[in-house]
Amino acid sequence: MTDPPRYRIRRRPAHDFLTVRGLAHHLTRWGDPAARDPVVLLHGWADTADTFQFLVDELERDWPLAAFDWRGFGRSEWSPAGYWFPDYFADLDAMLDVLCPDAGARLVGHSMGGNIALLYAGIRPERVRRVVSLEGFGLPRGRPGDAPGRYRDWLQQLRAPPPFGEYRDFEDLVHVLLRRSPRLPPERADFIARSWAAQTPEGRARIVADPAHKLLNPYSYRRDEAEACWRQVVAPAMLVLAGQSEFLPRLGEDGSEASFRANIPGVRIECVEGAGHMLHHEQPASVARIVEGFLLEE
């Protein structure tokens, strides 16, 4: 079989580790590694900081940028106590004490990272001066009546936690990524595969994430609480949606522009056509143009 083409990096990253809240977090930086006010990039669930590379390579300016792997993902340490969503707010809060100690932070997050960024901007409005959420718009409203079954499923999963994926080899994982995202060029799929997985002694490709992340959250999603946080955002905010988003339609009316504008003060809404949920992987040039234009408005 022919090996897939390799992605050619244009802006070389630097790698480091920072320990916050007792866990070592893998940190990736572009531009001046000593900059005290980098733009902070927050990846989504099961992704890693590394795959912001495509977006970084499309930026016109040599911005100082910092991205870290969330606890239990990529090269960051796993949490022996499990994973609860508020921990991400606390991890980000502590990370900003190191990365942006002198000024409000500029946050750009994708999916879970975008949700964290928008919520944090309302929880700690004094710590954020600009926020961009790429396909981070919350989840469908939870229903109280689902609670008994949800708790039962969670208890069952504790007995037999679901594993993260393992693939025959990296080429197999690349093929899976291309099936999921048919707009993804093979060289980017190969880069993502090698960012998400490590080779086992048997030559297989195993996703480098703590399987505990796959445990069902026993609590239903509380959208009313998320919207209450969004309404406290004071920083300029931008929501970037994908024209072929797989998740936005699931929100119904909660996914309408009217709903977002009613809950996120002054939000700007942009759409990237020719992209699904992983828009920064599929259309990084379009996303870079939109994000960079927003950052330059300061």
Protein backbone atom coordinates (compact mmCIF):
# COMPACT_ATOMS: atom_id res chain seq x y z
CA MET A 1 0.00 0.00 0.00
CA THR A 2 1.14 3.55 -0.71
CA ASP A 3 1.79 5.68 2.35
CA PRO A 4 -0.41 8.81 2.54
CA PRO A 5 1.33 12.10 1.77
CA ARG A 6 2.75 13.95 4.77
CA TYR A 7 1.60 17.41 5.75
CA ARG A 8 4.32 20.08 5.41
CA ILE A 9 4.42 22.34 8.46
CA ARG A 10 5.06 26.00 7.64
CA ARG A 11 5.35 27.39 11.18
CA ARG A 12 7.31 25.18 13.51
CA PRO A 13 5.86 24.76 17.01
CA ALA A 14 7.75 24.55 20.29
CA HIS A 15 6.67 22.06 22.94
CA ASP A 16 6.76 22.21 26.72
CA PHE A 17 4.88 21.03 29.79
CA LEU A 18 3.20 23.12 32.47
CA THR A 19 1.89 21.66 35.69
CA VAL A 20 -1.40 23.22 36.75
CA ARG A 21 -3.69 21.90 39.45
CA GLY A 22 -1.44 18.91 40.01
CA LEU A 23 -1.38 17.63 36.42
CA ALA A 24 1.28 18.11 33.76
CA HIS A 25 -0.30 19.68 30.66
CA HIS A 26 1.38 19.47 27.28
CA LEU A 27 1.80 22.97 25.82
CA THR A 28 2.34 23.82 22.15
CA ARG A 29 3.48 27.33 21.19
CA TRP A 30 3.96 29.16 17.92
CA GLY A 31 5.63 32.52 17.40
CA ASP A 32 7.60 34.08 20.25
CA PRO A 33 7.69 31.41 22.99
CA ALA A 34 8.45 34.08 25.59
CA ALA A 35 5.39 36.20 24.76
CA ARG A 36 3.37 36.88 27.91
CA ASP A 37 0.07 37.45 26.11
CA PRO A 38 -0.37 34.78 23.42
CA VAL A 39 -3.66 34.01 21.74
CA VAL A 40 -4.84 30.88 23.56
CA LEU A 41 -6.22 28.03 21.42
CA LEU A 42 -8.52 25.46 23.08
CA HIS A 43 -9.09 22.13 21.32
CA GLY A 44 -12.23 20.01 21.30
CA TRP A 45 -13.11 16.66 22.85
CA ALA A 46 -10.75 13.85 21.77
CA ASP A 47 -8.68 16.30 19.71
CA THR A 48 -5.24 17.66 20.63
CA ALA A 49 -3.54 21.04 20.55
CA ASP A 50 -1.27 19.87 17.73
CA THR A 51 -4.03 19.90 15.10
CA PHE A 52 -4.40 23.67 15.32
CA GLN A 53 -1.30 23.54 13.08
CA PHE A 54 -3.40 23.86 9.92
CA LEU A 55 -5.07 27.04 11.20
CA VAL A 56 -1.76 28.48 12.42
CA ASP A 57 -0.13 27.88 9.03
CA GLU A 58 -2.87 29.90 7.30
CA LEU A 59 -2.56 33.02 9.48
CA GLU A 60 -0.96 35.99 7.74
CA ARG A 61 0.68 37.40 10.87
CA ASP A 62 3.21 35.64 13.07
CA TRP A 63 0.98 35.76 16.15
CA PRO A 64 2.21 34.43 19.48
CA LEU A 65 -0.05 31.43 20.07
CA ALA A 66 -0.36 28.86 22.82
CA ALA A 67 -2.45 25.69 22.89
CA PHE A 68 -2.50 22.98 25.53
CA ASP A 69 -3.89 19.46 25.64
CA TRP A 70 -6.78 19.27 28.10
CA ARG A 71 -6.29 16.88 31.01
CA GLY A 72 -6.47 13.29 29.85
CA PHE A 73 -6.03 14.09 26.16
CA GLY A 74 -2.93 14.01 23.96
CA ARG A 75 0.26 14.24 25.98
CA SER A 76 -1.28 15.75 29.11
CA GLU A 77 -1.54 13.68 32.28
CA TRP A 78 -4.60 11.62 33.06
CA SER A 79 -6.72 12.55 36.06
CA PRO A 80 -7.04 9.72 38.59
CA ALA A 81 -10.20 11.37 39.95
CA GLY A 82 -12.02 11.25 36.61
CA TYR A 83 -13.32 14.16 34.54
CA TRP A 84 -15.94 16.76 35.43
CA PHE A 85 -16.66 19.68 33.16
CA PRO A 86 -16.03 22.45 35.75
CA ASP A 87 -12.45 21.18 36.04
CA TYR A 88 -11.81 22.61 32.58
CA PHE A 89 -12.74 26.10 33.81
CA ALA A 90 -10.32 25.73 36.71
CA ASP A 91 -7.54 24.37 34.45
CA LEU A 92 -8.00 27.28 32.03
CA ASP A 93 -8.08 29.76 34.90
CA ALA A 94 -4.77 28.43 36.24
CA MET A 95 -3.22 28.26 32.77
CA LEU A 96 -4.08 31.91 32.09
CA ASP A 97 -2.30 32.89 35.31
CA VAL A 98 0.86 31.64 33.57
CA LEU A 99 0.21 32.54 29.93
CA CYS A 100 -1.64 35.87 30.28
CA PRO A 101 -0.85 37.22 33.75
CA ASP A 102 -0.93 40.90 32.79
CA ALA A 103 -3.92 41.22 30.46
CA GLY A 104 -7.26 39.78 29.52
CA ALA A 105 -6.89 36.71 27.34
CA ARG A 106 -7.84 36.23 23.70
CA LEU A 107 -9.47 32.80 23.50
CA VAL A 108 -10.14 30.76 20.36
CA GLY A 109 -11.78 27.41 21.03
CA HIS A 110 -13.21 24.60 18.92
CA SER A 111 -16.22 22.46 19.90
CA MET A 112 -15.72 21.56 23.59
CA GLY A 113 -12.95 24.16 23.73
CA GLY A 114 -15.31 26.76 22.24
CA ASN A 115 -17.95 25.91 24.82
CA ILE A 116 -15.40 26.26 27.60
CA ALA A 117 -14.19 29.59 26.17
CA LEU A 118 -17.69 31.11 25.95
CA LEU A 119 -18.74 29.88 29.37
CA TYR A 120 -15.49 31.05 30.97
CA ALA A 121 -15.91 34.47 29.34
CA GLY A 122 -19.18 34.82 31.25
CA ILE A 123 -17.92 33.27 34.48
CA ARG A 124 -14.72 35.38 34.55
CA PRO A 125 -15.51 38.34 32.26
CA GLU A 126 -12.59 40.34 33.66
CA ARG A 127 -10.14 37.68 32.43
CA VAL A 128 -11.21 37.66 28.77
CA ARG A 129 -10.82 40.46 26.23
CA ARG A 130 -11.86 38.58 23.06
CA VAL A 131 -13.46 35.18 22.49
CA VAL A 132 -14.02 33.06 19.39
CA SER A 133 -16.01 29.83 19.46
CA LEU A 134 -15.66 27.51 16.46
CA GLU A 135 -18.72 25.23 16.45
CA GLY A 136 -18.97 25.51 20.24
CA PHE A 137 -22.65 26.25 20.86
CA GLY A 138 -23.67 23.91 23.66
CA LEU A 139 -25.70 20.71 23.58
CA PRO A 140 -29.41 19.93 23.25
CA ARG A 141 -31.38 20.62 26.41
CA GLY A 142 -31.40 17.77 28.90
CA ARG A 143 -34.76 16.42 30.08
CA PRO A 144 -35.29 15.75 33.81
CA GLY A 145 -37.26 12.63 32.95
CA ASP A 146 -34.12 11.07 31.45
CA ALA A 147 -32.31 11.15 34.81
CA PRO A 148 -33.14 7.62 36.09
CA GLY A 149 -31.99 5.91 32.90
CA ARG A 150 -28.93 8.13 32.63
CA TYR A 151 -27.81 7.27 36.16
CA ARG A 152 -28.38 3.55 35.45
CA ASP A 153 -26.26 3.74 32.29
CA TRP A 154 -23.51 5.59 34.14
CA LEU A 155 -23.41 2.98 36.92
CA GLN A 156 -23.19 0.22 34.33
CA GLN A 157 -20.34 1.95 32.51
CA LEU A 158 -18.40 2.23 35.77
CA ARG A 159 -18.33 -1.58 35.86
CA ALA A 160 -16.98 -1.82 32.30
CA PRO A 161 -15.63 1.52 31.01
CA PRO A 162 -15.79 1.84 27.21
CA PRO A 163 -12.32 1.91 25.58
CA PHE A 164 -10.95 4.51 23.22
CA GLY A 165 -10.27 3.37 19.66
CA GLU A 166 -7.41 1.18 18.55
CA TYR A 167 -6.71 0.70 14.85
CA ARG A 168 -4.79 -1.82 12.79
CA ASP A 169 -2.17 0.83 11.95
CA PHE A 170 -1.95 4.54 11.18
CA GLU A 171 -3.09 3.99 7.61
CA ASP A 172 -6.28 2.38 8.92
CA LEU A 173 -6.92 5.39 11.17
CA VAL A 174 -6.32 7.74 8.23
CA HIS A 175 -8.96 5.89 6.22
CA VAL A 176 -11.41 6.23 9.12
CA LEU A 177 -10.77 9.97 9.32
CA LEU A 178 -11.29 10.39 5.59
CA ARG A 179 -14.60 8.51 5.76
CA ARG A 180 -15.77 10.77 8.57
CA SER A 181 -14.55 13.96 6.89
CA PRO A 182 -14.55 13.45 3.12
CA ARG A 183 -13.46 17.06 2.60
CA LEU A 184 -10.21 16.44 4.51
CA PRO A 185 -7.04 16.20 2.35
CA PRO A 186 -5.09 12.95 2.96
CA GLU A 187 -2.00 14.78 4.22
CA ARG A 188 -4.02 16.50 6.94
CA ALA A 189 -5.72 13.23 7.87
CA ASP A 190 -2.28 11.66 8.27
CA PHE A 191 -1.13 14.55 10.48
CA ILE A 192 -4.24 14.24 12.66
CA ALA A 193 -3.83 10.48 12.97
CA ARG A 194 -0.26 10.89 14.21
CA SER A 195 -1.37 13.62 16.65
CA TRP A 196 -4.24 11.58 18.05
CA ALA A 197 -2.62 8.16 18.29
CA ALA A 198 0.59 6.42 19.35
CA GLN A 199 2.02 3.21 17.96
CA THR A 200 1.77 0.15 20.18
CA PRO A 201 4.56 -2.46 20.36
CA GLU A 202 2.45 -4.56 17.97
CA GLY A 203 2.38 -1.74 15.41
CA ARG A 204 -1.24 -0.76 16.01
CA ALA A 205 -2.41 2.86 16.38
CA ARG A 206 -3.97 3.56 19.79
CA ILE A 207 -5.75 6.85 20.56
CA VAL A 208 -3.80 8.73 23.25
CA ALA A 209 -6.67 9.67 25.54
CA ASP A 210 -7.87 8.41 28.88
CA PRO A 211 -10.77 5.96 28.34
CA ALA A 212 -12.47 7.52 31.37
CA HIS A 213 -13.45 10.40 29.06
CA LYS A 214 -15.89 8.04 27.38
CA LEU A 215 -17.91 7.47 30.53
CA LEU A 216 -21.40 8.90 30.26
CA ASN A 217 -21.84 12.09 32.25
CA PRO A 218 -24.46 11.21 34.87
CA TYR A 219 -25.86 14.75 34.76
CA SER A 220 -28.10 15.95 31.95
CA TYR A 221 -26.94 19.03 30.07
CA ARG A 222 -28.32 22.19 31.67
CA ARG A 223 -28.64 24.60 28.79
CA ASP A 224 -30.40 27.24 30.87
CA GLU A 225 -27.28 27.48 33.04
CA ALA A 226 -25.01 27.74 29.99
CA GLU A 227 -27.14 30.54 28.57
CA ALA A 228 -27.05 32.35 31.92
CA CYS A 229 -23.23 32.29 31.72
CA TRP A 230 -23.25 33.50 28.10
CA ARG A 231 -25.40 36.47 29.06
CA GLN A 232 -22.59 37.64 31.36
CA VAL A 233 -20.02 37.86 28.52
CA VAL A 234 -18.72 41.41 28.08
CA ALA A 235 -15.79 40.76 25.72
CA PRO A 236 -16.35 40.96 21.95
CA ALA A 237 -17.50 37.48 20.99
CA MET A 238 -17.68 35.62 17.68
CA LEU A 239 -19.38 32.32 16.90
CA VAL A 240 -18.14 30.56 13.76
CA LEU A 241 -20.47 27.89 12.40
CA ALA A 242 -19.88 25.25 9.73
CA GLY A 243 -22.16 25.28 6.71
CA GLN A 244 -22.45 21.49 6.86
CA SER A 245 -22.38 21.17 10.65
CA GLU A 246 -23.39 17.72 11.86
CA PHE A 247 -24.37 18.98 15.33
CA LEU A 248 -26.01 22.38 14.96
CA PRO A 249 -29.30 20.99 13.51
CA ARG A 250 -29.75 18.88 16.65
CA LEU A 251 -30.35 22.04 18.69
CA GLY A 252 -33.54 23.02 16.91
CA GLU A 253 -34.57 26.58 17.81
CA ASP A 254 -31.69 26.78 20.31
CA GLY A 255 -29.38 26.65 17.30
CA SER A 256 -30.93 29.64 15.56
CA GLU A 257 -29.16 32.96 15.12
CA ALA A 258 -31.98 34.61 17.08
CA SER A 259 -31.31 32.36 20.07
CA PHE A 260 -27.55 32.96 19.99
CA ARG A 261 -28.02 36.73 19.69
CA ALA A 262 -30.50 36.73 22.57
CA ASN A 263 -28.04 34.98 24.87
CA ILE A 264 -24.56 36.16 23.83
CA PRO A 265 -24.38 39.98 23.99
CA GLY A 266 -23.32 41.53 20.69
CA VAL A 267 -22.16 38.20 19.24
CA ARG A 268 -20.91 38.16 15.66
CA ILE A 269 -21.91 35.06 13.73
CA GLU A 270 -19.94 33.80 10.74
CA CYS A 271 -20.40 30.69 8.59
CA VAL A 272 -17.75 28.63 6.81
CA GLU A 273 -19.16 26.77 3.82
CA GLY A 274 -17.71 23.50 2.60
CA ALA A 275 -16.98 22.34 6.14
CA GLY A 276 -18.49 20.14 8.81
CA HIS A 277 -17.95 20.28 12.55
CA MET A 278 -14.15 19.93 12.21
CA LEU A 279 -14.04 23.14 10.20
CA HIS A 280 -10.51 24.13 11.29
CA HIS A 281 -9.26 20.84 9.84
CA GLU A 282 -11.30 20.98 6.64
CA GLN A 283 -11.21 24.71 5.77
CA PRO A 284 -8.33 26.20 7.79
CA ALA A 285 -7.70 29.07 5.36
CA SER A 286 -11.30 30.32 5.63
CA VAL A 287 -11.32 29.93 9.41
CA ALA A 288 -7.95 31.71 9.70
CA ARG A 289 -9.19 34.66 7.65
CA ILE A 290 -12.28 35.08 9.83
CA VAL A 291 -10.46 34.63 13.15
CA GLU A 292 -7.53 36.86 12.22
CA GLY A 293 -9.83 39.63 11.02
CA PHE A 294 -11.67 39.53 14.35
CA LEU A 295 -8.45 39.62 16.37
CA LEU A 296 -7.12 42.56 14.35
CA GLU A 297 -10.12 44.70 15.32
CA GLU A 298 -8.63 45.43 18.75
